[in-house]
Amino acid sequence: MSTCLKFPDEQTVVALMPQYRVEDQWMLASHTHALDPIGTLYAETGEVVMVEGIETKLTAPIDGWHMNFVGELPENLTPFAVEPKNPKVVWA
C-alpha cells in the first residue's frame, strides 16, 4: 500500500526511520518497501512576475518534509500519514 507522509522537518524523519538509511542515504527500495523522499513541496502563490521577458508563476514552500512510502507502514510513522486531496507527487 502507498502512503503519503508529512513530517515537520527532515531531521524528524531521519530520527524516526533509521532502518531505512545506509551510510546517511535513504535505502530507496528493498523486497519489503519503496521510498520516494520528496522533501519540501511548493505551491503556486497566484502571483506572476516577468523573468527575462517570460511570465513566471511564483511558488512558496508548503510546510513540512514529505515522503511517499510503499509497504507495511511502521507503527511509529502512522501519526505522519496524510491523505492529500490533490497529491503533488505520485508513483508512476
PDB file of N, CA and C in Angstrom:
ATOM      1  N   MET A   1       0.821  -1.173   0.000  1.00  0.00           N
ATOM      2  CA  MET A   1       0.000   0.000   0.000  1.00  0.00           C
ATOM      3  C   MET A   1       0.872   1.246   0.000  1.00  0.00           C
ATOM      4  N   SER A   2       0.450   2.255  -0.723  1.00  0.00           N
ATOM      5  CA  SER A   2       1.183   3.510  -0.808  1.00  0.00           C
ATOM      6  C   SER A   2       0.638   4.494   0.220  1.00  0.00           C
ATOM      7  N   THR A   3       1.553   5.141   0.936  1.00  0.00           N
ATOM      8  CA  THR A   3       1.172   6.102   1.959  1.00  0.00           C
ATOM      9  C   THR A   3       1.950   7.394   1.757  1.00  0.00           C
ATOM     10  N   CYS A   4       1.242   8.517   1.830  1.00  0.00           N
ATOM     11  CA  CYS A   4       1.884   9.830   1.817  1.00  0.00           C
ATOM     12  C   CYS A   4       2.202  10.194   3.262  1.00  0.00           C
ATOM     13  N   LEU A   5       3.408  10.662   3.486  1.00  0.00           N
ATOM     14  CA  LEU A   5       3.840  11.042   4.828  1.00  0.00           C
ATOM     15  C   LEU A   5       4.261  12.500   4.842  1.00  0.00           C
ATOM     16  N   LYS A   6       3.933  13.182   5.935  1.00  0.00           N
ATOM     17  CA  LYS A   6       4.339  14.579   6.120  1.00  0.00           C
ATOM     18  C   LYS A   6       4.926  14.719   7.512  1.00  0.00           C
ATOM     19  N   PHE A   7       6.185  15.134   7.572  1.00  0.00           N
ATOM     20  CA  PHE A   7       6.909  15.316   8.821  1.00  0.00           C
ATOM     21  C   PHE A   7       7.183  16.801   9.026  1.00  0.00           C
ATOM     22  N   PRO A   8       7.460  17.218  10.256  1.00  0.00           N
ATOM     23  CA  PRO A   8       7.769  18.630  10.485  1.00  0.00           C
ATOM     24  C   PRO A   8       9.036  19.081   9.747  1.00  0.00           C
ATOM     25  N   ASP A   9      10.028  18.179   9.672  1.00  0.00           N
ATOM     26  CA  ASP A   9      11.296  18.522   9.020  1.00  0.00           C
ATOM     27  C   ASP A   9      12.061  17.230   8.717  1.00  0.00           C
ATOM     28  N   GLU A  10      13.152  17.358   7.993  1.00  0.00           N
ATOM     29  CA  GLU A  10      13.925  16.179   7.603  1.00  0.00           C
ATOM     30  C   GLU A  10      14.579  15.505   8.806  1.00  0.00           C
ATOM     31  N   GLN A  11      14.999  16.266   9.788  1.00  0.00           N
ATOM     32  CA  GLN A  11      15.634  15.687  10.963  1.00  0.00           C
ATOM     33  C   GLN A  11      14.687  14.720  11.682  1.00  0.00           C
ATOM     34  N   THR A  12      13.406  15.056  11.704  1.00  0.00           N
ATOM     35  CA  THR A  12      12.418  14.189  12.349  1.00  0.00           C
ATOM     36  C   THR A  12      12.313  12.857  11.629  1.00  0.00           C
ATOM     37  N   VAL A  13      12.194  12.887  10.312  1.00  0.00           N
ATOM     38  CA  VAL A  13      12.049  11.639   9.563  1.00  0.00           C
ATOM     39  C   VAL A  13      13.319  10.795   9.649  1.00  0.00           C
ATOM     40  N   VAL A  14      14.462  11.411   9.632  1.00  0.00           N
ATOM     41  CA  VAL A  14      15.719  10.663   9.761  1.00  0.00           C
ATOM     42  C   VAL A  14      15.766   9.962  11.119  1.00  0.00           C
ATOM     43  N   ALA A  15      15.345  10.657  12.169  1.00  0.00           N
ATOM     44  CA  ALA A  15      15.351  10.063  13.505  1.00  0.00           C
ATOM     45  C   ALA A  15      14.348   8.926  13.629  1.00  0.00           C
ATOM     46  N   LEU A  16      13.212   9.029  12.927  1.00  0.00           N
ATOM     47  CA  LEU A  16      12.161   8.011  13.029  1.00  0.00           C
ATOM     48  C   LEU A  16      12.374   6.804  12.126  1.00  0.00           C
ATOM     49  N   MET A  17      13.250   6.935  11.112  1.00  0.00           N
ATOM     50  CA  MET A  17      13.389   5.865  10.123  1.00  0.00           C
ATOM     51  C   MET A  17      14.835   5.401   9.933  1.00  0.00           C
ATOM     52  N   PRO A  18      15.574   5.134  11.007  1.00  0.00           N
ATOM     53  CA  PRO A  18      16.973   4.742  10.835  1.00  0.00           C
ATOM     54  C   PRO A  18      17.134   3.426  10.075  1.00  0.00           C
ATOM     55  N   GLN A  19      16.129   2.546  10.144  1.00  0.00           N
ATOM     56  CA  GLN A  19      16.214   1.254   9.462  1.00  0.00           C
ATOM     57  C   GLN A  19      16.166   1.402   7.938  1.00  0.00           C
ATOM     58  N   TYR A  20      15.813   2.591   7.450  1.00  0.00           N
ATOM     59  CA  TYR A  20      15.749   2.840   6.004  1.00  0.00           C
ATOM     60  C   TYR A  20      16.912   3.702   5.517  1.00  0.00           C
ATOM     61  N   ARG A  21      17.973   3.777   6.333  1.00  0.00           N
ATOM     62  CA  ARG A  21      19.139   4.587   5.968  1.00  0.00           C
ATOM     63  C   ARG A  21      20.385   3.716   5.982  1.00  0.00           C
ATOM     64  N   VAL A  22      21.249   3.935   5.000  1.00  0.00           N
ATOM     65  CA  VAL A  22      22.535   3.257   4.915  1.00  0.00           C
ATOM     66  C   VAL A  22      23.570   4.325   4.574  1.00  0.00           C
ATOM     67  N   GLU A  23      24.560   4.465   5.433  1.00  0.00           N
ATOM     68  CA  GLU A  23      25.626   5.447   5.229  1.00  0.00           C
ATOM     69  C   GLU A  23      25.061   6.833   4.919  1.00  0.00           C
ATOM     70  N   ASP A  24      24.114   7.274   5.739  1.00  0.00           N
ATOM     71  CA  ASP A  24      23.487   8.596   5.635  1.00  0.00           C
ATOM     72  C   ASP A  24      22.720   8.826   4.332  1.00  0.00           C
ATOM     73  N   GLN A  25      22.307   7.754   3.680  1.00  0.00           N
ATOM     74  CA  GLN A  25      21.494   7.846   2.457  1.00  0.00           C
ATOM     75  C   GLN A  25      20.225   7.023   2.647  1.00  0.00           C
ATOM     76  N   TRP A  26      19.162   7.431   1.974  1.00  0.00           N
ATOM     77  CA  TRP A  26      17.926   6.653   2.027  1.00  0.00           C
ATOM     78  C   TRP A  26      18.086   5.363   1.245  1.00  0.00           C
ATOM     79  N   MET A  27      17.644   4.258   1.814  1.00  0.00           N
ATOM     80  CA  MET A  27      17.568   2.983   1.113  1.00  0.00           C
ATOM     81  C   MET A  27      16.214   3.010   0.393  1.00  0.00           C
ATOM     82  N   LEU A  28      16.227   3.329  -0.881  1.00  0.00           N
ATOM     83  CA  LEU A  28      15.004   3.621  -1.616  1.00  0.00           C
ATOM     84  C   LEU A  28      14.110   2.420  -1.849  1.00  0.00           C
ATOM     85  N   ALA A  29      14.671   1.218  -1.884  1.00  0.00           N
ATOM     86  CA  ALA A  29      13.836   0.045  -2.142  1.00  0.00           C
ATOM     87  C   ALA A  29      14.482  -1.211  -1.583  1.00  0.00           C
ATOM     88  N   SER A  30      13.607  -2.151  -1.236  1.00  0.00           N
ATOM     89  CA  SER A  30      14.016  -3.492  -0.830  1.00  0.00           C
ATOM     90  C   SER A  30      12.882  -4.422  -1.229  1.00  0.00           C
ATOM     91  N   HIS A  31      12.915  -5.655  -0.770  1.00  0.00           N
ATOM     92  CA  HIS A  31      11.832  -6.587  -1.056  1.00  0.00           C
ATOM     93  C   HIS A  31      10.570  -6.240  -0.269  1.00  0.00           C
ATOM     94  N   THR A  32      10.687  -5.354   0.712  1.00  0.00           N
ATOM     95  CA  THR A  32       9.542  -5.050   1.572  1.00  0.00           C
ATOM     96  C   THR A  32       9.080  -3.597   1.540  1.00  0.00           C
ATOM     97  N   HIS A  33       9.819  -2.726   0.860  1.00  0.00           N
ATOM     98  CA  HIS A  33       9.418  -1.319   0.864  1.00  0.00           C
ATOM     99  C   HIS A  33       9.956  -0.585  -0.364  1.00  0.00           C
ATOM    100  N   ALA A  34       9.396   0.603  -0.585  1.00  0.00           N
ATOM    101  CA  ALA A  34       9.935   1.572  -1.551  1.00  0.00           C
ATOM    102  C   ALA A  34       9.702   2.959  -0.960  1.00  0.00           C
ATOM    103  N   LEU A  35      10.688   3.828  -1.111  1.00  0.00           N
ATOM    104  CA  LEU A  35      10.611   5.195  -0.599  1.00  0.00           C
ATOM    105  C   LEU A  35      10.757   6.182  -1.737  1.00  0.00           C
ATOM    106  N   ASP A  36      10.026   7.274  -1.628  1.00  0.00           N
ATOM    107  CA  ASP A  36      10.203   8.409  -2.527  1.00  0.00           C
ATOM    108  C   ASP A  36      10.359   9.640  -1.642  1.00  0.00           C
ATOM    109  N   PRO A  37      11.604   9.926  -1.198  1.00  0.00           N
ATOM    110  CA  PRO A  37      11.818  11.095  -0.348  1.00  0.00           C
ATOM    111  C   PRO A  37      11.680  12.370  -1.179  1.00  0.00           C
ATOM    112  N   ILE A  38      10.633  13.118  -0.945  1.00  0.00           N
ATOM    113  CA  ILE A  38      10.324  14.301  -1.744  1.00  0.00           C
ATOM    114  C   ILE A  38      10.955  15.546  -1.150  1.00  0.00           C
ATOM    115  N   GLY A  39      10.858  15.689   0.157  1.00  0.00           N
ATOM    116  CA  GLY A  39      11.388  16.882   0.808  1.00  0.00           C
ATOM    117  C   GLY A  39      10.346  17.981   0.827  1.00  0.00           C
ATOM    118  N   THR A  40      10.772  19.194   0.513  1.00  0.00           N
ATOM    119  CA  THR A  40       9.884  20.346   0.516  1.00  0.00           C
ATOM    120  C   THR A  40       9.082  20.395  -0.771  1.00  0.00           C
ATOM    121  N   LEU A  41       7.791  20.603  -0.633  1.00  0.00           N
ATOM    122  CA  LEU A  41       6.913  20.801  -1.786  1.00  0.00           C
ATOM    123  C   LEU A  41       6.607  22.285  -1.912  1.00  0.00           C
ATOM    124  N   TYR A  42       6.260  22.711  -3.121  1.00  0.00           N
ATOM    125  CA  TYR A  42       5.953  24.114  -3.383  1.00  0.00           C
ATOM    126  C   TYR A  42       4.593  24.235  -4.043  1.00  0.00           C
ATOM    127  N   ALA A  43       3.880  25.315  -3.733  1.00  0.00           N
ATOM    128  CA  ALA A  43       2.577  25.587  -4.329  1.00  0.00           C
ATOM    129  C   ALA A  43       2.598  26.979  -4.958  1.00  0.00           C
ATOM    130  N   GLU A  44       1.840  27.132  -6.019  1.00  0.00           N
ATOM    131  CA  GLU A  44       1.741  28.436  -6.669  1.00  0.00           C
ATOM    132  C   GLU A  44       1.065  29.423  -5.720  1.00  0.00           C
ATOM    133  N   THR A  45       1.555  30.665  -5.725  1.00  0.00           N
ATOM    134  CA  THR A  45       1.013  31.705  -4.852  1.00  0.00           C
ATOM    135  C   THR A  45      -0.098  32.494  -5.526  1.00  0.00           C
ATOM    136  N   GLY A  46      -0.207  32.371  -6.829  1.00  0.00           N
ATOM    137  CA  GLY A  46      -1.172  33.176  -7.576  1.00  0.00           C
ATOM    138  C   GLY A  46      -0.532  34.418  -8.182  1.00  0.00           C
ATOM    139  N   GLU A  47       0.685  34.716  -7.765  1.00  0.00           N
ATOM    140  CA  GLU A  47       1.400  35.871  -8.312  1.00  0.00           C
ATOM    141  C   GLU A  47       2.184  35.465  -9.552  1.00  0.00           C
ATOM    142  N   VAL A  48       2.304  36.414 -10.483  1.00  0.00           N
ATOM    143  CA  VAL A  48       3.066  36.196 -11.711  1.00  0.00           C
ATOM    144  C   VAL A  48       4.059  37.342 -11.849  1.00  0.00           C
ATOM    145  N   VAL A  49       5.294  37.006 -12.188  1.00  0.00           N
ATOM    146  CA  VAL A  49       6.331  38.012 -12.416  1.00  0.00           C
ATOM    147  C   VAL A  49       6.972  37.759 -13.778  1.00  0.00           C
ATOM    148  N   MET A  50       7.635  38.767 -14.274  1.00  0.00           N
ATOM    149  CA  MET A  50       8.370  38.624 -15.531  1.00  0.00           C
ATOM    150  C   MET A  50       9.824  38.271 -15.211  1.00  0.00           C
ATOM    151  N   VAL A  51      10.304  37.181 -15.798  1.00  0.00           N
ATOM    152  CA  VAL A  51      11.695  36.763 -15.644  1.00  0.00           C
ATOM    153  C   VAL A  51      12.267  36.631 -17.040  1.00  0.00           C
ATOM    154  N   GLU A  52      13.194  37.525 -17.366  1.00  0.00           N
ATOM    155  CA  GLU A  52      13.811  37.550 -18.692  1.00  0.00           C
ATOM    156  C   GLU A  52      12.762  37.549 -19.798  1.00  0.00           C
ATOM    157  N   GLY A  53      11.706  38.356 -19.581  1.00  0.00           N
ATOM    158  CA  GLY A  53      10.663  38.509 -20.586  1.00  0.00           C
ATOM    159  C   GLY A  53       9.635  37.397 -20.620  1.00  0.00           C
ATOM    160  N   ILE A  54       9.688  36.486 -19.676  1.00  0.00           N
ATOM    161  CA  ILE A  54       8.742  35.357 -19.639  1.00  0.00           C
ATOM    162  C   ILE A  54       7.912  35.454 -18.361  1.00  0.00           C
ATOM    163  N   GLU A  55       6.578  35.369 -18.517  1.00  0.00           N
ATOM    164  CA  GLU A  55       5.723  35.348 -17.331  1.00  0.00           C
ATOM    165  C   GLU A  55       5.973  34.065 -16.550  1.00  0.00           C
ATOM    166  N   THR A  56       6.253  34.219 -15.264  1.00  0.00           N
ATOM    167  CA  THR A  56       6.575  33.078 -14.412  1.00  0.00           C
ATOM    168  C   THR A  56       5.693  33.112 -13.172  1.00  0.00           C
ATOM    169  N   LYS A  57       5.055  31.966 -12.863  1.00  0.00           N
ATOM    170  CA  LYS A  57       4.216  31.873 -11.673  1.00  0.00           C
ATOM    171  C   LYS A  57       5.108  31.674 -10.450  1.00  0.00           C
ATOM    172  N   LEU A  58       4.875  32.495  -9.426  1.00  0.00           N
ATOM    173  CA  LEU A  58       5.643  32.365  -8.192  1.00  0.00           C
ATOM    174  C   LEU A  58       5.116  31.203  -7.353  1.00  0.00           C
ATOM    175  N   THR A  59       6.027  30.572  -6.637  1.00  0.00           N
ATOM    176  CA  THR A  59       5.660  29.489  -5.734  1.00  0.00           C
ATOM    177  C   THR A  59       6.217  29.785  -4.345  1.00  0.00           C
ATOM    178  N   ALA A  60       5.654  29.100  -3.359  1.00  0.00           N
ATOM    179  CA  ALA A  60       6.120  29.215  -1.977  1.00  0.00           C
ATOM    180  C   ALA A  60       6.152  27.816  -1.376  1.00  0.00           C
ATOM    181  N   PRO A  61       7.047  27.584  -0.430  1.00  0.00           N
ATOM    182  CA  PRO A  61       7.121  26.248   0.184  1.00  0.00           C
ATOM    183  C   PRO A  61       5.870  25.923   0.997  1.00  0.00           C
ATOM    184  N   ILE A  62       5.494  24.649   0.940  1.00  0.00           N
ATOM    185  CA  ILE A  62       4.418  24.117   1.779  1.00  0.00           C
ATOM    186  C   ILE A  62       5.068  23.599   3.055  1.00  0.00           C
ATOM    187  N   ASP A  63       4.448  23.840   4.178  1.00  0.00           N
ATOM    188  CA  ASP A  63       5.004  23.370   5.458  1.00  0.00           C
ATOM    189  C   ASP A  63       5.276  21.871   5.430  1.00  0.00           C
ATOM    190  N   GLY A  64       6.366  21.474   6.052  1.00  0.00           N
ATOM    191  CA  GLY A  64       6.663  20.066   6.245  1.00  0.00           C
ATOM    192  C   GLY A  64       7.695  19.500   5.292  1.00  0.00           C
ATOM    193  N   TRP A  65       8.062  18.253   5.566  1.00  0.00           N
ATOM    194  CA  TRP A  65       9.013  17.478   4.747  1.00  0.00           C
ATOM    195  C   TRP A  65       8.272  16.210   4.344  1.00  0.00           C
ATOM    196  N   HIS A  66       8.192  15.947   3.047  1.00  0.00           N
ATOM    197  CA  HIS A  66       7.275  14.950   2.508  1.00  0.00           C
ATOM    198  C   HIS A  66       7.998  13.719   1.955  1.00  0.00           C
ATOM    199  N   MET A  67       7.318  12.570   2.081  1.00  0.00           N
ATOM    200  CA  MET A  67       7.856  11.314   1.564  1.00  0.00           C
ATOM    201  C   MET A  67       6.687  10.406   1.204  1.00  0.00           C
ATOM    202  N   ASN A  68       6.827   9.659   0.112  1.00  0.00           N
ATOM    203  CA  ASN A  68       5.882   8.599  -0.214  1.00  0.00           C
ATOM    204  C   ASN A  68       6.506   7.273   0.200  1.00  0.00           C
ATOM    205  N   PHE A  69       5.673   6.371   0.722  1.00  0.00           N
ATOM    206  CA  PHE A  69       6.150   5.098   1.255  1.00  0.00           C
ATOM    207  C   PHE A  69       5.261   3.983   0.725  1.00  0.00           C
ATOM    208  N   VAL A  70       5.859   2.913   0.222  1.00  0.00           N
ATOM    209  CA  VAL A  70       5.117   1.726  -0.186  1.00  0.00           C
ATOM    210  C   VAL A  70       5.618   0.570   0.666  1.00  0.00           C
ATOM    211  N   GLY A  71       4.668  -0.158   1.242  1.00  0.00           N
ATOM    212  CA  GLY A  71       4.997  -1.291   2.098  1.00  0.00           C
ATOM    213  C   GLY A  71       4.172  -1.213   3.362  1.00  0.00           C
ATOM    214  N   GLU A  72       4.459  -2.119   4.288  1.00  0.00           N
ATOM    215  CA  GLU A  72       3.763  -2.091   5.572  1.00  0.00           C
ATOM    216  C   GLU A  72       4.337  -0.944   6.397  1.00  0.00           C
ATOM    217  N   LEU A  73       3.494   0.021   6.689  1.00  0.00           N
ATOM    218  CA  LEU A  73       3.946   1.226   7.380  1.00  0.00           C
ATOM    219  C   LEU A  73       4.268   0.915   8.842  1.00  0.00           C
ATOM    220  N   PRO A  74       5.489   1.227   9.280  1.00  0.00           N
ATOM    221  CA  PRO A  74       5.822   1.035  10.694  1.00  0.00           C
ATOM    222  C   PRO A  74       4.885   1.860  11.582  1.00  0.00           C
ATOM    223  N   GLU A  75       4.537   1.311  12.717  1.00  0.00           N
ATOM    224  CA  GLU A  75       3.574   1.940  13.613  1.00  0.00           C
ATOM    225  C   GLU A  75       3.982   3.354  14.018  1.00  0.00           C
ATOM    226  N   ASN A  76       5.285   3.593  14.209  1.00  0.00           N
ATOM    227  CA  ASN A  76       5.724   4.919  14.650  1.00  0.00           C
ATOM    228  C   ASN A  76       5.534   5.990  13.577  1.00  0.00           C
ATOM    229  N   LEU A  77       5.234   5.585  12.335  1.00  0.00           N
ATOM    230  CA  LEU A  77       5.035   6.560  11.267  1.00  0.00           C
ATOM    231  C   LEU A  77       3.564   6.887  11.023  1.00  0.00           C
ATOM    232  N   THR A  78       2.646   6.106  11.595  1.00  0.00           N
ATOM    233  CA  THR A  78       1.220   6.343  11.327  1.00  0.00           C
ATOM    234  C   THR A  78       0.739   7.747  11.702  1.00  0.00           C
ATOM    235  N   PRO A  79       1.280   8.391  12.738  1.00  0.00           N
ATOM    236  CA  PRO A  79       0.826   9.760  13.021  1.00  0.00           C
ATOM    237  C   PRO A  79       1.181  10.761  11.910  1.00  0.00           C
ATOM    238  N   PHE A  80       2.089  10.388  11.027  1.00  0.00           N
ATOM    239  CA  PHE A  80       2.541  11.296   9.979  1.00  0.00           C
ATOM    240  C   PHE A  80       1.885  11.009   8.625  1.00  0.00           C
ATOM    241  N   ALA A  81       1.012  10.003   8.580  1.00  0.00           N
ATOM    242  CA  ALA A  81       0.320   9.673   7.336  1.00  0.00           C
ATOM    243  C   ALA A  81      -0.720  10.746   7.034  1.00  0.00           C
ATOM    244  N   VAL A  82      -0.756  11.177   5.777  1.00  0.00           N
ATOM    245  CA  VAL A  82      -1.711  12.185   5.327  1.00  0.00           C
ATOM    246  C   VAL A  82      -2.388  11.697   4.049  1.00  0.00           C
ATOM    247  N   GLU A  83      -3.548  12.248   3.768  1.00  0.00           N
ATOM    248  CA  GLU A  83      -4.275  11.925   2.551  1.00  0.00           C
ATOM    249  C   GLU A  83      -4.574  13.221   1.810  1.00  0.00           C
ATOM    250  N   PRO A  84      -3.610  13.707   1.016  1.00  0.00           N
ATOM    251  CA  PRO A  84      -3.825  14.977   0.319  1.00  0.00           C
ATOM    252  C   PRO A  84      -4.940  14.854  -0.726  1.00  0.00           C
ATOM    253  N   LYS A  85      -5.751  15.917  -0.853  1.00  0.00           N
ATOM    254  CA  LYS A  85      -6.826  15.937  -1.850  1.00  0.00           C
ATOM    255  C   LYS A  85      -6.262  15.870  -3.261  1.00  0.00           C
ATOM    256  N   ASN A  86      -5.210  16.626  -3.492  1.00  0.00           N
ATOM    257  CA  ASN A  86      -4.564  16.680  -4.805  1.00  0.00           C
ATOM    258  C   ASN A  86      -3.062  16.464  -4.632  1.00  0.00           C
ATOM    259  N   PRO A  87      -2.619  15.203  -4.572  1.00  0.00           N
ATOM    260  CA  PRO A  87      -1.187  14.959  -4.350  1.00  0.00           C
ATOM    261  C   PRO A  87      -0.329  15.598  -5.437  1.00  0.00           C
ATOM    262  N   LYS A  88       0.762  16.191  -5.038  1.00  0.00           N
ATOM    263  CA  LYS A  88       1.672  16.831  -5.995  1.00  0.00           C
ATOM    264  C   LYS A  88       2.669  15.840  -6.592  1.00  0.00           C
ATOM    265  N   VAL A  89       2.943  14.744  -5.880  1.00  0.00           N
ATOM    266  CA  VAL A  89       3.866  13.714  -6.350  1.00  0.00           C
ATOM    267  C   VAL A  89       3.207  12.368  -6.131  1.00  0.00           C
ATOM    268  N   VAL A  90       3.118  11.563  -7.177  1.00  0.00           N
ATOM    269  CA  VAL A  90       2.532  10.230  -7.081  1.00  0.00           C
ATOM    270  C   VAL A  90       3.444   9.222  -7.742  1.00  0.00           C
ATOM    271  N   TRP A  91       3.279   7.949  -7.398  1.00  0.00           N
ATOM    272  CA  TRP A  91       4.055   6.889  -8.014  1.00  0.00           C
ATOM    273  C   TRP A  91       3.604   6.717  -9.455  1.00  0.00           C
ATOM    274  N   ALA A  92       4.522   6.408 -10.347  1.00  0.00           N
ATOM    275  CA  ALA A  92       4.175   6.197 -11.756  1.00  0.00           C
ATOM    276  C   ALA A  92       3.596   4.831 -11.949  1.00  0.00           C
TER     277      ALA A  92
END
